[in-house]
PDB file of all heavy atoms in Angstrom:
ATOM      1  N   ILE A   1      -2.388 -20.331   6.511  1.00  0.00           N
ATOM      2  CA  ILE A   1      -2.908 -18.944   6.418  1.00  0.00           C
ATOM      3  C   ILE A   1      -1.989 -18.057   5.499  1.00  0.00           C
ATOM      4  O   ILE A   1      -2.479 -17.331   4.679  1.00  0.00           O
ATOM      5  CB  ILE A   1      -2.826 -18.293   7.776  1.00  0.00           C
ATOM      6  CG1 ILE A   1      -3.951 -18.929   8.732  1.00  0.00           C
ATOM      7  CG2 ILE A   1      -2.990 -16.766   7.803  1.00  0.00           C
ATOM      8  CD1 ILE A   1      -3.852 -18.643  10.169  1.00  0.00           C
ATOM      9  N   LEU A   2      -0.670 -18.307   5.562  1.00  0.00           N
ATOM     10  CA  LEU A   2       0.233 -17.444   4.791  1.00  0.00           C
ATOM     11  C   LEU A   2       0.143 -17.800   3.345  1.00  0.00           C
ATOM     12  O   LEU A   2       0.443 -16.936   2.493  1.00  0.00           O
ATOM     13  CB  LEU A   2       1.625 -17.586   5.298  1.00  0.00           C
ATOM     14  CG  LEU A   2       2.023 -16.987   6.679  1.00  0.00           C
ATOM     15  CD1 LEU A   2       3.350 -17.405   7.158  1.00  0.00           C
ATOM     16  CD2 LEU A   2       1.701 -15.518   6.614  1.00  0.00           C
ATOM     17  N   SER A   3      -0.273 -19.014   3.004  1.00  0.00           N
ATOM     18  CA  SER A   3      -0.366 -19.445   1.562  1.00  0.00           C
ATOM     19  C   SER A   3      -1.762 -19.025   0.960  1.00  0.00           C
ATOM     20  O   SER A   3      -1.916 -19.164  -0.192  1.00  0.00           O
ATOM     21  CB  SER A   3      -0.190 -21.014   1.464  1.00  0.00           C
ATOM     22  OG  SER A   3      -1.370 -21.594   2.089  1.00  0.00           O
ATOM     23  N   GLY A   4      -2.621 -18.487   1.801  1.00  0.00           N
ATOM     24  CA  GLY A   4      -3.960 -18.132   1.381  1.00  0.00           C
ATOM     25  C   GLY A   4      -5.036 -19.185   1.310  1.00  0.00           C
ATOM     26  O   GLY A   4      -6.122 -19.016   0.830  1.00  0.00           O
ATOM     27  N   ASN A   5      -4.585 -20.339   1.733  1.00  0.00           N
ATOM     28  CA  ASN A   5      -5.521 -21.511   1.827  1.00  0.00           C
ATOM     29  C   ASN A   5      -6.510 -21.490   2.915  1.00  0.00           C
ATOM     30  O   ASN A   5      -7.405 -22.319   2.946  1.00  0.00           O
ATOM     31  CB  ASN A   5      -4.739 -22.847   1.778  1.00  0.00           C
ATOM     32  CG  ASN A   5      -3.968 -23.103   0.551  1.00  0.00           C
ATOM     33  OD1 ASN A   5      -4.371 -22.643  -0.515  1.00  0.00           O
ATOM     34  ND2 ASN A   5      -2.809 -23.713   0.680  1.00  0.00           N
ATOM     35  N   MET A   6      -6.234 -20.594   3.903  1.00  0.00           N
ATOM     36  CA  MET A   6      -7.164 -20.464   5.048  1.00  0.00           C
ATOM     37  C   MET A   6      -7.142 -18.982   5.504  1.00  0.00           C
ATOM     38  O   MET A   6      -6.089 -18.439   5.608  1.00  0.00           O
ATOM     39  CB  MET A   6      -6.605 -21.393   6.190  1.00  0.00           C
ATOM     40  CG  MET A   6      -7.535 -21.398   7.377  1.00  0.00           C
ATOM     41  SD  MET A   6      -7.276 -22.693   8.540  1.00  0.00           S
ATOM     42  CE  MET A   6      -5.605 -22.398   9.125  1.00  0.00           C
ATOM     43  N   ARG A   7      -8.274 -18.476   5.739  1.00  0.00           N
ATOM     44  CA  ARG A   7      -8.388 -17.025   6.219  1.00  0.00           C
ATOM     45  C   ARG A   7      -8.236 -17.114   7.799  1.00  0.00           C
ATOM     46  O   ARG A   7      -9.037 -17.861   8.413  1.00  0.00           O
ATOM     47  CB  ARG A   7      -9.575 -16.332   5.712  1.00  0.00           C
ATOM     48  CG  ARG A   7      -9.731 -14.941   6.113  1.00  0.00           C
ATOM     49  CD  ARG A   7     -11.008 -14.230   5.574  1.00  0.00           C
ATOM     50  NE  ARG A   7     -12.185 -14.838   6.101  1.00  0.00           N
ATOM     51  CZ  ARG A   7     -13.193 -15.316   5.266  1.00  0.00           C
ATOM     52  NH1 ARG A   7     -13.156 -15.368   4.057  1.00  0.00           N
ATOM     53  NH2 ARG A   7     -14.207 -15.800   5.951  1.00  0.00           N
ATOM     54  N   PRO A   8      -7.413 -16.268   8.286  1.00  0.00           N
ATOM     55  CA  PRO A   8      -7.342 -16.262   9.759  1.00  0.00           C
ATOM     56  C   PRO A   8      -8.688 -15.754  10.458  1.00  0.00           C
ATOM     57  O   PRO A   8      -9.191 -14.745   9.877  1.00  0.00           O
ATOM     58  CB  PRO A   8      -6.199 -15.303  10.068  1.00  0.00           C
ATOM     59  CG  PRO A   8      -6.053 -14.425   8.897  1.00  0.00           C
ATOM     60  CD  PRO A   8      -6.481 -15.323   7.755  1.00  0.00           C
ATOM     61  N   ASN A   9      -9.063 -16.450  11.388  1.00  0.00           N
ATOM     62  CA  ASN A   9     -10.383 -15.938  12.026  1.00  0.00           C
ATOM     63  C   ASN A   9     -10.250 -14.974  13.223  1.00  0.00           C
ATOM     64  O   ASN A   9     -11.170 -14.588  13.900  1.00  0.00           O
ATOM     65  CB  ASN A   9     -11.342 -17.123  12.390  1.00  0.00           C
ATOM     66  CG  ASN A   9     -10.758 -17.993  13.422  1.00  0.00           C
ATOM     67  OD1 ASN A   9      -9.913 -17.599  14.199  1.00  0.00           O
ATOM     68  ND2 ASN A   9     -11.148 -19.200  13.473  1.00  0.00           N
ATOM     69  N   LEU A  10      -8.926 -14.717  13.573  1.00  0.00           N
ATOM     70  CA  LEU A  10      -8.692 -13.667  14.648  1.00  0.00           C
ATOM     71  C   LEU A  10      -9.222 -14.185  15.865  1.00  0.00           C
ATOM     72  O   LEU A  10      -9.542 -13.321  16.819  1.00  0.00           O
ATOM     73  CB  LEU A  10      -9.032 -12.343  14.316  1.00  0.00           C
ATOM     74  CG  LEU A  10      -8.521 -11.746  12.962  1.00  0.00           C
ATOM     75  CD1 LEU A  10      -9.042 -10.451  12.589  1.00  0.00           C
ATOM     76  CD2 LEU A  10      -7.095 -11.818  12.872  1.00  0.00           C
ATOM     77  N   GLY A  11      -9.357 -15.460  16.141  1.00  0.00           N
ATOM     78  CA  GLY A  11     -10.042 -16.058  17.339  1.00  0.00           C
ATOM     79  C   GLY A  11     -11.501 -16.130  17.355  1.00  0.00           C
ATOM     80  O   GLY A  11     -12.051 -16.706  18.254  1.00  0.00           O
ATOM     81  N   ASN A  12     -12.154 -15.570  16.386  1.00  0.00           N
ATOM     82  CA  ASN A  12     -13.687 -15.623  16.305  1.00  0.00           C
ATOM     83  C   ASN A  12     -14.072 -16.746  15.350  1.00  0.00           C
ATOM     84  O   ASN A  12     -14.322 -16.599  14.157  1.00  0.00           O
ATOM     85  CB  ASN A  12     -14.163 -14.341  15.813  1.00  0.00           C
ATOM     86  CG  ASN A  12     -15.639 -14.193  15.778  1.00  0.00           C
ATOM     87  OD1 ASN A  12     -16.406 -15.103  16.115  1.00  0.00           O
ATOM     88  ND2 ASN A  12     -16.166 -13.024  15.461  1.00  0.00           N
ATOM     89  N   PHE A  13     -14.065 -17.970  15.903  1.00  0.00           N
ATOM     90  CA  PHE A  13     -14.379 -19.091  15.054  1.00  0.00           C
ATOM     91  C   PHE A  13     -15.849 -19.228  14.738  1.00  0.00           C
ATOM     92  O   PHE A  13     -16.189 -19.955  13.743  1.00  0.00           O
ATOM     93  CB  PHE A  13     -13.889 -20.367  15.749  1.00  0.00           C
ATOM     94  CG  PHE A  13     -14.465 -20.572  17.139  1.00  0.00           C
ATOM     95  CD1 PHE A  13     -15.651 -21.230  17.403  1.00  0.00           C
ATOM     96  CD2 PHE A  13     -13.783 -20.139  18.191  1.00  0.00           C
ATOM     97  CE1 PHE A  13     -16.147 -21.317  18.724  1.00  0.00           C
ATOM     98  CE2 PHE A  13     -14.200 -20.164  19.523  1.00  0.00           C
ATOM     99  CZ  PHE A  13     -15.500 -20.880  19.783  1.00  0.00           C
ATOM    100  N   ALA A  14     -16.790 -18.699  15.542  1.00  0.00           N
ATOM    101  CA  ALA A  14     -18.168 -18.700  15.323  1.00  0.00           C
ATOM    102  C   ALA A  14     -18.554 -17.870  14.075  1.00  0.00           C
ATOM    103  O   ALA A  14     -19.376 -18.232  13.298  1.00  0.00           O
ATOM    104  CB  ALA A  14     -18.944 -18.291  16.677  1.00  0.00           C
ATOM    105  N   GLU A  15     -18.091 -16.692  14.047  1.00  0.00           N
ATOM    106  CA  GLU A  15     -18.216 -15.708  12.948  1.00  0.00           C
ATOM    107  C   GLU A  15     -16.939 -15.115  12.381  1.00  0.00           C
ATOM    108  O   GLU A  15     -16.643 -14.123  12.716  1.00  0.00           O
ATOM    109  CB  GLU A  15     -19.220 -14.577  13.353  1.00  0.00           C
ATOM    110  CG  GLU A  15     -20.590 -15.055  13.755  1.00  0.00           C
ATOM    111  CD  GLU A  15     -21.480 -13.863  14.215  1.00  0.00           C
ATOM    112  OE1 GLU A  15     -21.311 -12.812  13.590  1.00  0.00           O
ATOM    113  OE2 GLU A  15     -22.206 -13.961  15.275  1.00  0.00           O
ATOM    114  N   PRO A  16     -16.291 -15.927  11.590  1.00  0.00           N
ATOM    115  CA  PRO A  16     -14.984 -15.546  11.074  1.00  0.00           C
ATOM    116  C   PRO A  16     -15.095 -14.167  10.355  1.00  0.00           C
ATOM    117  O   PRO A  16     -16.028 -13.971   9.566  1.00  0.00           O
ATOM    118  CB  PRO A  16     -14.538 -16.606  10.173  1.00  0.00           C
ATOM    119  CG  PRO A  16     -15.450 -17.751  10.529  1.00  0.00           C
ATOM    120  CD  PRO A  16     -16.724 -17.151  11.109  1.00  0.00           C
ATOM    121  N   PRO A  17     -14.086 -13.261  10.462  1.00  0.00           N
ATOM    122  CA  PRO A  17     -14.170 -11.962   9.800  1.00  0.00           C
ATOM    123  C   PRO A  17     -13.818 -12.143   8.344  1.00  0.00           C
ATOM    124  O   PRO A  17     -13.205 -13.137   7.944  1.00  0.00           O
ATOM    125  CB  PRO A  17     -13.118 -11.245  10.580  1.00  0.00           C
ATOM    126  CG  PRO A  17     -12.168 -12.238  11.016  1.00  0.00           C
ATOM    127  CD  PRO A  17     -13.008 -13.463  11.389  1.00  0.00           C
ATOM    128  N   GLU A  18     -14.281 -11.196   7.539  1.00  0.00           N
ATOM    129  CA  GLU A  18     -13.851 -11.150   6.118  1.00  0.00           C
ATOM    130  C   GLU A  18     -12.549 -10.640   5.955  1.00  0.00           C
ATOM    131  O   GLU A  18     -11.861 -10.067   6.926  1.00  0.00           O
ATOM    132  CB  GLU A  18     -14.827 -10.257   5.346  1.00  0.00           C
ATOM    133  CG  GLU A  18     -16.302 -10.850   5.313  1.00  0.00           C
ATOM    134  CD  GLU A  18     -16.400 -12.107   4.612  1.00  0.00           C
ATOM    135  OE1 GLU A  18     -15.770 -12.285   3.607  1.00  0.00           O
ATOM    136  OE2 GLU A  18     -17.101 -12.967   5.109  1.00  0.00           O
ATOM    137  N   TRP A  19     -11.846 -10.717   4.819  1.00  0.00           N
ATOM    138  CA  TRP A  19     -10.569 -10.314   4.583  1.00  0.00           C
ATOM    139  C   TRP A  19     -10.384  -8.845   4.913  1.00  0.00           C
ATOM    140  O   TRP A  19      -9.322  -8.393   5.357  1.00  0.00           O
ATOM    141  CB  TRP A  19     -10.063 -10.642   3.151  1.00  0.00           C
ATOM    142  CG  TRP A  19      -9.470 -11.839   2.933  1.00  0.00           C
ATOM    143  CD1 TRP A  19     -10.058 -13.041   2.245  1.00  0.00           C
ATOM    144  CD2 TRP A  19      -8.293 -12.393   3.551  1.00  0.00           C
ATOM    145  NE1 TRP A  19      -9.133 -14.056   2.365  1.00  0.00           N
ATOM    146  CE2 TRP A  19      -8.099 -13.648   3.196  1.00  0.00           C
ATOM    147  CE3 TRP A  19      -7.253 -11.757   4.327  1.00  0.00           C
ATOM    148  CZ2 TRP A  19      -7.022 -14.515   3.511  1.00  0.00           C
ATOM    149  CZ3 TRP A  19      -6.210 -12.573   4.759  1.00  0.00           C
ATOM    150  CH2 TRP A  19      -6.071 -13.997   4.250  1.00  0.00           C
ATOM    151  N   LYS A  20     -11.448  -8.032   4.693  1.00  0.00           N
ATOM    152  CA  LYS A  20     -11.276  -6.597   4.927  1.00  0.00           C
ATOM    153  C   LYS A  20     -10.948  -6.358   6.460  1.00  0.00           C
ATOM    154  O   LYS A  20     -10.120  -5.507   6.804  1.00  0.00           O
ATOM    155  CB  LYS A  20     -12.684  -5.850   4.553  1.00  0.00           C
ATOM    156  CG  LYS A  20     -12.605  -4.449   4.671  1.00  0.00           C
ATOM    157  CD  LYS A  20     -13.940  -3.849   4.165  1.00  0.00           C
ATOM    158  CE  LYS A  20     -13.944  -2.295   4.284  1.00  0.00           C
ATOM    159  NZ  LYS A  20     -15.154  -1.701   3.737  1.00  0.00           N
ATOM    160  N   GLU A  21     -11.619  -7.074   7.316  1.00  0.00           N
ATOM    161  CA  GLU A  21     -11.435  -6.965   8.764  1.00  0.00           C
ATOM    162  C   GLU A  21     -10.039  -7.487   9.176  1.00  0.00           C
ATOM    163  O   GLU A  21      -9.412  -6.981  10.018  1.00  0.00           O
ATOM    164  CB  GLU A  21     -12.550  -7.709   9.527  1.00  0.00           C
ATOM    165  CG  GLU A  21     -13.932  -7.035   9.420  1.00  0.00           C
ATOM    166  CD  GLU A  21     -14.910  -7.984  10.097  1.00  0.00           C
ATOM    167  OE1 GLU A  21     -14.824  -8.150  11.426  1.00  0.00           O
ATOM    168  OE2 GLU A  21     -15.820  -8.406   9.350  1.00  0.00           O
ATOM    169  N   VAL A  22      -9.665  -8.572   8.541  1.00  0.00           N
ATOM    170  CA  VAL A  22      -8.364  -9.191   8.741  1.00  0.00           C
ATOM    171  C   VAL A  22      -7.278  -8.256   8.410  1.00  0.00           C
ATOM    172  O   VAL A  22      -6.314  -7.969   9.147  1.00  0.00           O
ATOM    173  CB  VAL A  22      -8.073 -10.538   7.898  1.00  0.00           C
ATOM    174  CG1 VAL A  22      -6.674 -10.999   8.064  1.00  0.00           C
ATOM    175  CG2 VAL A  22      -9.129 -11.572   8.453  1.00  0.00           C
ATOM    176  N   LEU A  23      -7.352  -7.558   7.254  1.00  0.00           N
ATOM    177  CA  LEU A  23      -6.407  -6.509   6.897  1.00  0.00           C
ATOM    178  C   LEU A  23      -6.349  -5.262   7.851  1.00  0.00           C
ATOM    179  O   LEU A  23      -5.283  -4.846   8.133  1.00  0.00           O
ATOM    180  CB  LEU A  23      -6.710  -6.038   5.469  1.00  0.00           C
ATOM    181  CG  LEU A  23      -6.426  -7.067   4.386  1.00  0.00           C
ATOM    182  CD1 LEU A  23      -6.929  -6.407   2.962  1.00  0.00           C
ATOM    183  CD2 LEU A  23      -4.983  -7.477   4.257  1.00  0.00           C
ATOM    184  N   LYS A  24      -7.523  -4.913   8.249  1.00  0.00           N
ATOM    185  CA  LYS A  24      -7.597  -3.925   9.262  1.00  0.00           C
ATOM    186  C   LYS A  24      -6.943  -4.354  10.610  1.00  0.00           C
ATOM    187  O   LYS A  24      -6.199  -3.480  11.241  1.00  0.00           O
ATOM    188  CB  LYS A  24      -9.089  -3.575   9.541  1.00  0.00           C
ATOM    189  CG  LYS A  24      -9.272  -2.395  10.488  1.00  0.00           C
ATOM    190  CD  LYS A  24     -10.777  -2.086  10.719  1.00  0.00           C
ATOM    191  CE  LYS A  24     -10.982  -0.929  11.585  1.00  0.00           C
ATOM    192  NZ  LYS A  24     -12.460  -0.736  11.829  1.00  0.00           N
ATOM    193  N   HIS A  25      -7.023  -5.605  11.000  1.00  0.00           N
ATOM    194  CA  HIS A  25      -6.417  -6.101  12.242  1.00  0.00           C
ATOM    195  C   HIS A  25      -4.813  -5.989  12.177  1.00  0.00           C
ATOM    196  O   HIS A  25      -4.280  -5.629  13.186  1.00  0.00           O
ATOM    197  CB  HIS A  25      -6.874  -7.531  12.406  1.00  0.00           C
ATOM    198  CG  HIS A  25      -6.179  -8.209  13.535  1.00  0.00           C
ATOM    199  ND1 HIS A  25      -6.487  -8.053  14.857  1.00  0.00           N
ATOM    200  CD2 HIS A  25      -5.032  -9.067  13.615  1.00  0.00           C
ATOM    201  CE1 HIS A  25      -5.639  -8.716  15.631  1.00  0.00           C
ATOM    202  NE2 HIS A  25      -4.736  -9.368  14.931  1.00  0.00           N
ATOM    203  N   PHE A  26      -4.309  -6.181  10.936  1.00  0.00           N
ATOM    204  CA  PHE A  26      -2.886  -6.132  10.703  1.00  0.00           C
ATOM    205  C   PHE A  26      -2.329  -4.863  10.281  1.00  0.00           C
ATOM    206  O   PHE A  26      -1.276  -4.737   9.841  1.00  0.00           O
ATOM    207  CB  PHE A  26      -2.505  -7.297   9.788  1.00  0.00           C
ATOM    208  CG  PHE A  26      -2.536  -8.618  10.320  1.00  0.00           C
ATOM    209  CD1 PHE A  26      -3.542  -9.544   9.916  1.00  0.00           C
ATOM    210  CD2 PHE A  26      -1.712  -9.193  11.374  1.00  0.00           C
ATOM    211  CE1 PHE A  26      -3.747 -10.854  10.360  1.00  0.00           C
ATOM    212  CE2 PHE A  26      -1.838 -10.435  11.855  1.00  0.00           C
ATOM    213  CZ  PHE A  26      -2.783 -11.243  11.419  1.00  0.00           C
ATOM    214  N   ARG A  27      -3.257  -3.865  10.274  1.00  0.00           N
ATOM    215  CA  ARG A  27      -2.806  -2.512   9.862  1.00  0.00           C
ATOM    216  C   ARG A  27      -1.479  -2.019  10.618  1.00  0.00           C
ATOM    217  O   ARG A  27      -1.374  -2.241  11.740  1.00  0.00           O
ATOM    218  CB  ARG A  27      -3.988  -1.476  10.110  1.00  0.00           C
ATOM    219  CG  ARG A  27      -3.649  -0.088   9.588  1.00  0.00           C
ATOM    220  CD  ARG A  27      -4.776   0.944   9.743  1.00  0.00           C
ATOM    221  NE  ARG A  27      -5.870   0.381  10.683  1.00  0.00           N
ATOM    222  CZ  ARG A  27      -7.066   0.710  10.716  1.00  0.00           C
ATOM    223  NH1 ARG A  27      -7.475   1.538   9.736  1.00  0.00           N
ATOM    224  NH2 ARG A  27      -8.024   0.296  11.440  1.00  0.00           N
ATOM    225  N   GLY A  28      -0.698  -1.458   9.781  1.00  0.00           N
ATOM    226  CA  GLY A  28       0.674  -0.917  10.332  1.00  0.00           C
ATOM    227  C   GLY A  28       1.653  -2.043  10.522  1.00  0.00           C
ATOM    228  O   GLY A  28       2.698  -1.784  10.976  1.00  0.00           O
ATOM    229  N   ASN A  29       1.384  -3.223  10.036  1.00  0.00           N
ATOM    230  CA  ASN A  29       2.275  -4.435  10.255  1.00  0.00           C
ATOM    231  C   ASN A  29       2.686  -4.873   8.926  1.00  0.00           C
ATOM    232  O   ASN A  29       1.878  -4.658   7.955  1.00  0.00           O
ATOM    233  CB  ASN A  29       1.434  -5.513  11.003  1.00  0.00           C
ATOM    234  CG  ASN A  29       2.208  -6.668  11.377  1.00  0.00           C
ATOM    235  OD1 ASN A  29       2.947  -7.172  10.589  1.00  0.00           O
ATOM    236  ND2 ASN A  29       2.012  -7.174  12.593  1.00  0.00           N
TER     237      ASN A  29
END
């Protein structure tokens, strides 16, 4: 994930979120 070889799915393996949603999840971090 940290190397960019895999996008984190935030637990939603059926419909993985796009990078925009991932960035929103980590907002303020």
